[in-house]
Amino acid sequence: MILGVVAGEITSTVNHPFYDGRKLLVVARIDPSGTPLPDSVIAVDVVGAGVGERVLVNDEGNGARGVLRSPDGPVRSVVVAIVDAVDLTTRD
C-alpha cells in the first residue's frame, strides 16, 4: 500500500479500452507524517478522490485487477481509500 496525496488527473484522447470511463490520478507519495517522498504513481480511482486528498493506493497488479474485477486488465495501481486521519501514536 502507498500513502499519498492526489496531485492531479490524467486526461487522454487515445487509450486502451480498459480505461474508458475510468479516472486516472497522479498520486504523490508521502510518509505517515505527511512529508513528501520523491516519487509518484498513476492509479485508477474507484473511490471518487480529488486533488489534494490523502489516499491509499494498492500498488500491486493482481490486487488492483481484483478490486476492478478484471482478471486481464492492464493495471497495476488503484486508489482504494480516501484517508481521513493518520494516527501515529503507539498503544502498549
Protein backbone atom coordinates (compact mmCIF):
# COMPACT_ATOMS: atom_id res chain seq x y z
CA MET A 1 0.00 0.00 0.00
CA ILE A 2 1.07 3.55 -0.72
CA LEU A 3 0.01 6.59 1.27
CA GLY A 4 -0.17 9.64 -0.94
CA VAL A 5 -1.79 12.90 -1.94
CA VAL A 6 -3.66 13.31 -5.23
CA ALA A 7 -1.57 15.75 -7.27
CA GLY A 8 -3.69 15.77 -10.43
CA GLU A 9 -5.74 13.93 -13.03
CA ILE A 10 -4.65 12.32 -16.29
CA THR A 11 -6.67 13.02 -19.44
CA SER A 12 -6.11 11.06 -22.64
CA THR A 13 -7.78 11.12 -26.03
CA VAL A 14 -6.39 7.74 -27.07
CA ASN A 15 -6.08 4.90 -24.57
CA HIS A 16 -6.60 1.18 -24.06
CA PRO A 17 -10.35 0.38 -23.96
CA PHE A 18 -9.90 -0.85 -20.38
CA TYR A 19 -9.52 2.79 -19.28
CA ASP A 20 -12.71 4.04 -20.97
CA GLY A 21 -14.85 5.70 -18.30
CA ARG A 22 -12.17 5.36 -15.61
CA LYS A 23 -10.50 8.30 -13.88
CA LEU A 24 -6.70 8.21 -13.62
CA LEU A 25 -4.99 10.12 -10.84
CA VAL A 26 -1.40 11.17 -10.24
CA VAL A 27 -0.65 10.32 -6.60
CA ALA A 28 2.44 11.80 -4.94
CA ARG A 29 3.80 9.55 -2.19
CA ILE A 30 4.01 10.83 1.38
CA ASP A 31 5.20 9.31 4.63
CA PRO A 32 2.74 8.85 7.53
CA SER A 33 3.58 12.30 8.91
CA GLY A 34 2.70 13.90 5.56
CA THR A 35 6.24 14.61 4.37
CA PRO A 36 6.51 14.29 0.57
CA LEU A 37 8.57 11.40 -0.80
CA PRO A 38 10.43 11.64 -4.12
CA ASP A 39 8.14 9.58 -6.36
CA SER A 40 4.56 9.25 -7.57
CA VAL A 41 2.25 6.73 -9.21
CA ILE A 42 -0.63 6.83 -11.65
CA ALA A 43 -3.65 4.98 -10.27
CA VAL A 44 -7.21 4.21 -11.31
CA ASP A 45 -9.67 5.94 -8.97
CA VAL A 46 -12.55 3.84 -7.62
CA VAL A 47 -13.46 6.00 -4.61
CA GLY A 48 -14.03 9.45 -6.11
CA ALA A 49 -10.88 11.10 -4.78
CA GLY A 50 -9.95 14.63 -5.77
CA VAL A 51 -6.86 16.78 -5.99
CA GLY A 52 -5.35 17.47 -2.57
CA GLU A 53 -6.93 14.49 -0.80
CA ARG A 54 -4.84 11.90 1.05
CA VAL A 55 -5.42 8.42 -0.33
CA LEU A 56 -4.33 4.80 -0.04
CA VAL A 57 -3.16 3.13 -3.23
CA ASN A 58 -2.95 -0.61 -3.81
CA ASP A 59 0.19 -0.77 -5.97
CA GLU A 60 0.17 -4.45 -6.90
CA GLY A 61 -1.26 -5.71 -10.18
CA ASN A 62 -3.19 -8.76 -9.01
CA GLY A 63 -4.76 -6.81 -6.15
CA ALA A 64 -5.66 -3.92 -8.47
CA ARG A 65 -7.23 -6.28 -11.00
CA GLY A 66 -9.19 -7.91 -8.17
CA VAL A 67 -10.54 -4.57 -6.96
CA LEU A 68 -11.55 -3.70 -10.54
CA ARG A 69 -12.90 -7.22 -11.17
CA SER A 70 -10.86 -7.52 -14.35
CA PRO A 71 -8.51 -10.54 -14.32
CA ASP A 72 -6.86 -9.47 -17.59
CA GLY A 73 -6.89 -5.67 -17.11
CA PRO A 74 -3.68 -3.76 -17.90
CA VAL A 75 -3.50 -2.12 -14.47
CA ARG A 76 -1.10 -2.04 -11.55
CA SER A 77 -2.33 0.69 -9.16
CA VAL A 78 -5.77 1.58 -7.83
CA VAL A 79 -6.90 4.17 -5.27
CA VAL A 80 -8.80 2.16 -2.67
CA ALA A 81 -9.46 4.70 0.12
CA ILE A 82 -9.64 8.37 0.99
CA VAL A 83 -7.71 8.84 4.25
CA ASP A 84 -9.39 10.91 6.96
CA ALA A 85 -6.57 10.72 9.52
CA VAL A 86 -3.28 9.02 10.30
CA ASP A 87 -2.70 8.24 13.98
CA LEU A 88 0.99 7.73 14.76
CA THR A 89 0.55 7.09 18.49
CA THR A 90 1.63 3.72 19.77
CA ARG A 91 -0.55 1.63 22.02
CA ASP A 92 1.05 -0.73 24.53
